[in-house]
C-alpha atoms as a PDB file:
ATOM      1  CA  MET A   1     -38.120-177.153  25.773  1.00  0.00           C
ATOM      2  CA  PHE A   2     -35.881-178.403  28.659  1.00  0.00           C
ATOM      3  CA  ILE A   3     -33.697-175.932  29.954  1.00  0.00           C
ATOM      4  CA  VAL A   4     -31.163-176.184  32.597  1.00  0.00           C
ATOM      5  CA  PHE A   5     -29.664-173.583  34.532  1.00  0.00           C
ATOM      6  CA  GLU A   6     -25.686-174.714  35.966  1.00  0.00           C
ATOM      7  CA  GLY A   7     -22.605-173.019  38.170  1.00  0.00           C
ATOM      8  CA  GLY A   8     -21.582-172.743  41.257  1.00  0.00           C
ATOM      9  CA  ASP A   9     -23.344-171.798  44.809  1.00  0.00           C
ATOM     10  CA  GLY A  10     -23.927-168.366  44.731  1.00  0.00           C
ATOM     11  CA  VAL A  11     -24.022-167.467  40.905  1.00  0.00           C
ATOM     12  CA  GLY A  12     -27.525-166.465  40.692  1.00  0.00           C
ATOM     13  CA  LYS A  13     -28.742-169.731  39.019  1.00  0.00           C
ATOM     14  CA  SER A  14     -32.430-168.856  40.526  1.00  0.00           C
ATOM     15  CA  THR A  15     -32.516-165.533  40.258  1.00  0.00           C
ATOM     16  CA  GLN A  16     -32.254-165.928  36.206  1.00  0.00           C
ATOM     17  CA  ALA A  17     -34.497-168.926  36.222  1.00  0.00           C
ATOM     18  CA  ASN A  18     -37.436-167.269  37.557  1.00  0.00           C
ATOM     19  CA  ALA A  19     -36.594-164.639  34.923  1.00  0.00           C
ATOM     20  CA  LEU A  20     -36.469-166.457  31.949  1.00  0.00           C
ATOM     21  CA  ALA A  21     -39.744-168.279  33.322  1.00  0.00           C
ATOM     22  CA  ASP A  22     -41.326-164.936  34.128  1.00  0.00           C
ATOM     23  CA  TRP A  23     -40.115-163.708  30.084  1.00  0.00           C
ATOM     24  CA  LEU A  24     -41.889-167.324  28.838  1.00  0.00           C
ATOM     25  CA  ARG A  25     -44.776-166.899  30.095  1.00  0.00           C
ATOM     26  CA  GLY A  26     -45.089-163.663  29.149  1.00  0.00           C
ATOM     27  CA  GLN A  27     -44.651-164.854  25.759  1.00  0.00           C
ATOM     28  CA  GLY A  28     -48.233-167.532  26.668  1.00  0.00           C
ATOM     29  CA  ARG A  29     -45.782-170.315  27.350  1.00  0.00           C
ATOM     30  CA  GLU A  30     -46.951-173.269  30.015  1.00  0.00           C
ATOM     31  CA  VAL A  31     -43.641-173.458  32.318  1.00  0.00           C
ATOM     32  CA  VAL A  32     -42.666-175.832  34.922  1.00  0.00           C
ATOM     33  CA  LEU A  33     -39.864-174.206  37.282  1.00  0.00           C
ATOM     34  CA  THR A  34     -37.835-176.840  39.120  1.00  0.00           C
ATOM     35  CA  PHE A  35     -34.579-177.631  40.693  1.00  0.00           C
ATOM     36  CA  GLU A  36     -32.560-180.117  42.082  1.00  0.00           C
ATOM     37  CA  PRO A  37     -32.062-181.530  44.874  1.00  0.00           C
ATOM     38  CA  GLY A  38     -35.511-181.245  46.138  1.00  0.00           C
ATOM     39  CA  ASP A  39     -38.370-180.302  44.237  1.00  0.00           C
ATOM     40  CA  THR A  40     -40.469-183.363  45.084  1.00  0.00           C
ATOM     41  CA  PRO A  41     -41.565-184.943  48.572  1.00  0.00           C
ATOM     42  CA  ALA A  42     -39.157-187.386  49.049  1.00  0.00           C
ATOM     43  CA  GLY A  43     -36.624-185.492  46.754  1.00  0.00           C
ATOM     44  CA  ALA A  44     -37.227-182.650  49.962  1.00  0.00           C
ATOM     45  CA  HIS A  45     -35.681-185.445  52.463  1.00  0.00           C
ATOM     46  CA  ILE A  46     -32.829-186.555  50.591  1.00  0.00           C
ATOM     47  CA  ARG A  47     -31.979-182.176  49.851  1.00  0.00           C
ATOM     48  CA  GLU A  48     -32.090-182.590  53.778  1.00  0.00           C
ATOM     49  CA  ILE A  49     -29.810-185.360  54.151  1.00  0.00           C
ATOM     50  CA  LEU A  50     -27.360-184.377  51.508  1.00  0.00           C
ATOM     51  CA  LEU A  51     -27.379-180.074  52.637  1.00  0.00           C
ATOM     52  CA  ASP A  52     -27.409-180.316  56.175  1.00  0.00           C
ATOM     53  CA  PRO A  53     -24.285-179.491  57.841  1.00  0.00           C
ATOM     54  CA  ALA A  54     -25.425-181.913  61.162  1.00  0.00           C
ATOM     55  CA  THR A  55     -25.389-184.676  58.619  1.00  0.00           C
ATOM     56  CA  GLY A  56     -21.119-184.536  58.849  1.00  0.00           C
ATOM     57  CA  GLU A  57     -18.929-186.192  56.267  1.00  0.00           C
ATOM     58  CA  LEU A  58     -20.991-188.910  53.998  1.00  0.00           C
ATOM     59  CA  PRO A  59     -18.569-191.619  51.816  1.00  0.00           C
ATOM     60  CA  PRO A  60     -18.534-189.571  48.502  1.00  0.00           C
ATOM     61  CA  SER A  61     -20.230-192.682  46.706  1.00  0.00           C
ATOM     62  CA  ALA A  62     -23.070-192.587  49.302  1.00  0.00           C
ATOM     63  CA  GLU A  63     -23.612-188.520  48.422  1.00  0.00           C
ATOM     64  CA  ALA A  64     -23.278-189.880  44.823  1.00  0.00           C
ATOM     65  CA  LEU A  65     -26.232-191.905  44.888  1.00  0.00           C
ATOM     66  CA  LEU A  66     -28.676-190.009  47.105  1.00  0.00           C
ATOM     67  CA  TYR A  67     -27.906-187.708  43.614  1.00  0.00           C
ATOM     68  CA  VAL A  68     -28.798-190.356  41.434  1.00  0.00           C
ATOM     69  CA  ALA A  69     -32.193-191.074  43.807  1.00  0.00           C
ATOM     70  CA  ASP A  70     -33.354-187.795  43.772  1.00  0.00           C
ATOM     71  CA  LYS A  71     -33.086-187.762  39.764  1.00  0.00           C
ATOM     72  CA  ALA A  72     -34.777-190.757  39.190  1.00  0.00           C
ATOM     73  CA  ILE A  73     -37.565-189.272  41.394  1.00  0.00           C
ATOM     74  CA  HIS A  74     -37.815-185.399  39.960  1.00  0.00           C
ATOM     75  CA  VAL A  75     -37.742-187.014  36.531  1.00  0.00           C
ATOM     76  CA  GLU A  76     -40.114-189.288  37.123  1.00  0.00           C
ATOM     77  CA  GLN A  77     -42.673-187.053  38.495  1.00  0.00           C
ATOM     78  CA  VAL A  78     -41.863-183.688  37.554  1.00  0.00           C
ATOM     79  CA  ILE A  79     -39.734-183.266  34.024  1.00  0.00           C
ATOM     80  CA  ARG A  80     -41.124-185.841  32.243  1.00  0.00           C
ATOM     81  CA  PRO A  81     -44.756-185.347  32.662  1.00  0.00           C
ATOM     82  CA  ALA A  82     -44.234-181.530  31.694  1.00  0.00           C
ATOM     83  CA  LEU A  83     -42.470-182.389  28.840  1.00  0.00           C
ATOM     84  CA  ALA A  84     -44.989-185.199  28.062  1.00  0.00           C
ATOM     85  CA  ARG A  85     -47.636-182.283  28.088  1.00  0.00           C
ATOM     86  CA  GLY A  86     -46.017-179.483  26.029  1.00  0.00           C
ATOM     87  CA  ALA A  87     -44.329-177.168  28.645  1.00  0.00           C
ATOM     88  CA  VAL A  88     -41.066-175.908  28.892  1.00  0.00           C
ATOM     89  CA  VAL A  89     -38.896-176.964  32.183  1.00  0.00           C
ATOM     90  CA  ILE A  90     -36.817-174.603  33.546  1.00  0.00           C
ATOM     91  CA  CYS A  91     -34.394-176.385  36.091  1.00  0.00           C
ATOM     92  CA  ASP A  92     -31.562-175.506  38.490  1.00  0.00           C
ATOM     93  CA  ARG A  93     -29.234-177.929  38.281  1.00  0.00           C
ATOM     94  CA  TYR A  94     -29.499-181.341  36.912  1.00  0.00           C
ATOM     95  CA  VAL A  95     -27.134-184.356  35.750  1.00  0.00           C
ATOM     96  CA  ASP A  96     -23.614-181.766  35.261  1.00  0.00           C
ATOM     97  CA  SER A  97     -24.235-180.892  38.969  1.00  0.00           C
ATOM     98  CA  MET A  98     -23.852-184.249  39.947  1.00  0.00           C
ATOM     99  CA  LEU A  99     -20.632-184.465  37.672  1.00  0.00           C
ATOM    100  CA  ALA A 100     -18.951-181.706  38.730  1.00  0.00           C
ATOM    101  CA  TYR A 101     -19.634-181.578  42.520  1.00  0.00           C
ATOM    102  CA  GLN A 102     -19.688-185.068  43.051  1.00  0.00           C
ATOM    103  CA  GLY A 103     -17.560-186.447  40.350  1.00  0.00           C
ATOM    104  CA  ALA A 104     -14.996-183.822  39.931  1.00  0.00           C
ATOM    105  CA  GLY A 105     -15.175-182.296  43.127  1.00  0.00           C
ATOM    106  CA  ARG A 106     -15.290-185.395  45.245  1.00  0.00           C
ATOM    107  CA  ILE A 107     -13.169-186.953  42.995  1.00  0.00           C
ATOM    108  CA  LEU A 108     -14.970-190.019  41.942  1.00  0.00           C
ATOM    109  CA  ASP A 109     -15.001-191.737  38.242  1.00  0.00           C
ATOM    110  CA  ILE A 110     -16.847-189.526  35.805  1.00  0.00           C
ATOM    111  CA  SER A 111     -17.815-192.248  33.878  1.00  0.00           C
ATOM    112  CA  GLU A 112     -19.673-194.369  36.369  1.00  0.00           C
ATOM    113  CA  LEU A 113     -21.629-191.268  37.399  1.00  0.00           C
ATOM    114  CA  GLU A 114     -22.646-190.559  33.840  1.00  0.00           C
ATOM    115  CA  SER A 115     -23.811-194.183  33.836  1.00  0.00           C
ATOM    116  CA  LEU A 116     -25.406-193.634  36.738  1.00  0.00           C
ATOM    117  CA  ALA A 117     -27.046-190.577  35.582  1.00  0.00           C
ATOM    118  CA  ALA A 118     -28.364-191.758  32.221  1.00  0.00           C
ATOM    119  CA  TRP A 119     -29.944-194.741  33.817  1.00  0.00           C
ATOM    120  CA  ALA A 120     -31.846-192.503  36.720  1.00  0.00           C
ATOM    121  CA  THR A 121     -32.775-190.057  34.313  1.00  0.00           C
ATOM    122  CA  GLY A 122     -33.767-192.463  31.506  1.00  0.00           C
ATOM    123  CA  GLY A 123     -30.983-190.409  29.142  1.00  0.00           C
ATOM    124  CA  LEU A 124     -32.844-187.505  29.289  1.00  0.00           C
ATOM    125  CA  ARG A 125     -30.560-184.176  28.508  1.00  0.00           C
ATOM    126  CA  PRO A 126     -31.616-180.658  28.387  1.00  0.00           C
ATOM    127  CA  ASP A 127     -31.957-178.852  25.007  1.00  0.00           C
ATOM    128  CA  LEU A 128     -29.841-175.906  26.713  1.00  0.00           C
ATOM    129  CA  THR A 129     -27.953-176.074  29.735  1.00  0.00           C
ATOM    130  CA  VAL A 130     -26.976-172.293  30.634  1.00  0.00           C
ATOM    131  CA  LEU A 131     -23.403-172.355  32.507  1.00  0.00           C
ATOM    132  CA  LEU A 132     -23.680-169.252  34.827  1.00  0.00           C
ATOM    133  CA  ASP A 133     -19.390-169.106  35.816  1.00  0.00           C
ATOM    134  CA  LEU A 134     -17.715-166.929  38.363  1.00  0.00           C
ATOM    135  CA  ASP A 135     -14.414-167.631  40.197  1.00  0.00           C
ATOM    136  CA  PRO A 136     -15.912-169.819  43.485  1.00  0.00           C
ATOM    137  CA  ALA A 137     -13.433-167.524  45.493  1.00  0.00           C
ATOM    138  CA  GLU A 138     -15.711-165.125  44.981  1.00  0.00           C
ATOM    139  CA  ALA A 139     -18.723-166.404  45.235  1.00  0.00           C
ATOM    140  CA  MET A 140     -18.035-168.315  48.314  1.00  0.00           C
ATOM    141  CA  ALA A 141     -17.427-164.890  49.841  1.00  0.00           C
ATOM    142  CA  GLU A 142     -20.643-163.998  49.754  1.00  0.00           C
ATOM    143  CA  ILE A 143     -22.323-166.994  51.054  1.00  0.00           C
ATOM    144  CA  GLU A 144     -23.243-165.893  55.134  1.00  0.00           C
ATOM    145  CA  THR A 145     -24.028-169.610  56.631  1.00  0.00           C
ATOM    146  CA  PRO A 146     -22.928-172.245  54.040  1.00  0.00           C
ATOM    147  CA  ASP A 147     -24.315-175.458  53.727  1.00  0.00           C
ATOM    148  CA  ARG A 148     -22.610-179.167  53.603  1.00  0.00           C
ATOM    149  CA  LEU A 149     -21.410-178.644  50.544  1.00  0.00           C
ATOM    150  CA  GLU A 150     -20.508-174.920  49.971  1.00  0.00           C
ATOM    151  CA  ALA A 151     -18.575-174.937  53.283  1.00  0.00           C
ATOM    152  CA  GLU A 152     -15.606-177.536  51.402  1.00  0.00           C
ATOM    153  CA  GLY A 153     -12.491-175.994  50.586  1.00  0.00           C
ATOM    154  CA  ALA A 154     -10.817-173.377  48.010  1.00  0.00           C
ATOM    155  CA  ASP A 155      -9.570-176.515  46.021  1.00  0.00           C
ATOM    156  CA  PHE A 156     -12.647-178.629  45.618  1.00  0.00           C
ATOM    157  CA  HIS A 157     -14.409-175.365  44.863  1.00  0.00           C
ATOM    158  CA  GLN A 158     -11.865-174.921  42.410  1.00  0.00           C
ATOM    159  CA  ARG A 159     -12.448-178.666  40.532  1.00  0.00           C
ATOM    160  CA  VAL A 160     -16.300-177.884  40.249  1.00  0.00           C
ATOM    161  CA  ARG A 161     -15.615-174.945  37.941  1.00  0.00           C
ATOM    162  CA  GLU A 162     -12.937-176.662  35.781  1.00  0.00           C
ATOM    163  CA  HIS A 163     -15.258-179.449  35.286  1.00  0.00           C
ATOM    164  CA  TYR A 164     -18.011-177.492  34.647  1.00  0.00           C
ATOM    165  CA  LEU A 165     -16.356-175.634  32.138  1.00  0.00           C
ATOM    166  CA  ALA A 166     -14.758-178.466  30.588  1.00  0.00           C
ATOM    167  CA  LEU A 167     -18.600-180.036  30.253  1.00  0.00           C
ATOM    168  CA  ALA A 168     -19.754-176.776  28.356  1.00  0.00           C
ATOM    169  CA  ASP A 169     -17.149-177.340  25.777  1.00  0.00           C
ATOM    170  CA  LYS A 170     -19.543-178.716  23.618  1.00  0.00           C
ATOM    171  CA  PRO A 171     -22.772-177.927  21.738  1.00  0.00           C
ATOM    172  CA  GLY A 172     -25.944-177.535  23.654  1.00  0.00           C
ATOM    173  CA  TYR A 173     -23.963-174.815  26.380  1.00  0.00           C
ATOM    174  CA  VAL A 174     -23.667-170.787  26.589  1.00  0.00           C
ATOM    175  CA  VAL A 175     -21.812-170.237  29.006  1.00  0.00           C
ATOM    176  CA  ILE A 176     -22.146-166.494  30.454  1.00  0.00           C
ATOM    177  CA  PRO A 177     -20.036-164.510  33.602  1.00  0.00           C
ATOM    178  CA  ALA A 178     -21.932-164.411  36.306  1.00  0.00           C
ATOM    179  CA  ARG A 179     -21.139-161.290  37.229  1.00  0.00           C
ATOM    180  CA  LEU A 180     -22.246-158.977  34.317  1.00  0.00           C
ATOM    181  CA  PRO A 181     -25.413-157.077  34.995  1.00  0.00           C
ATOM    182  CA  ALA A 182     -28.885-159.622  35.207  1.00  0.00           C
ATOM    183  CA  ASP A 183     -30.785-157.898  33.063  1.00  0.00           C
ATOM    184  CA  GLU A 184     -27.738-158.559  30.320  1.00  0.00           C
ATOM    185  CA  ILE A 185     -27.366-162.381  31.447  1.00  0.00           C
ATOM    186  CA  ALA A 186     -31.243-162.503  31.095  1.00  0.00           C
ATOM    187  CA  ALA A 187     -30.618-161.053  27.570  1.00  0.00           C
ATOM    188  CA  ARG A 188     -27.881-163.722  26.531  1.00  0.00           C
ATOM    189  CA  VAL A 189     -30.204-166.536  27.778  1.00  0.00           C
ATOM    190  CA  ARG A 190     -32.949-165.428  25.556  1.00  0.00           C
ATOM    191  CA  ALA A 191     -30.807-165.200  22.885  1.00  0.00           C
ATOM    192  CA  ALA A 192     -29.194-168.795  23.033  1.00  0.00           C
ATOM    193  CA  LEU A 193     -32.722-170.230  22.750  1.00  0.00           C
ATOM    194  CA  GLY A 194     -32.494-169.035  18.987  1.00  0.00           C
END
């Protein structure tokens, strides 16, 4: 099973991914807890370029291609091998993040990004995507030292949120308000696993 946590910055994706991993391990399952971008040696370098404010401006297409490269490496080296041996893979961010941030946020062609993502991942899609939803103004207020993307303006983050909600309006997604108590969110995630 492949489970992805999505949502804007500061919504608690990592917290909930860890909680689910702990619960599944308690059920005797092998769990691979991973994240994008950066959970491979090459990906760590890509992550630094993408998120370090010192990088400065990147052309939106170059930024998107760096994310695509990270996804190709990550799927090949981490996700597919884990799924092949029967592990549950829990990923903090995946393709929908690129569609929301680079597509809607940077105003790039979504269909082109979808094609690139499908090519990079071999069409691998999650069995379940959990979208933790929160007004970006509330989330951004809690981030003390923003990275290069977190430092984008309110309009950027609002476009990202709206695109996430549009993506989640189909089967395979569950949308959970991110400011519910953490244990209630965790219970809703477990219930969504069926």
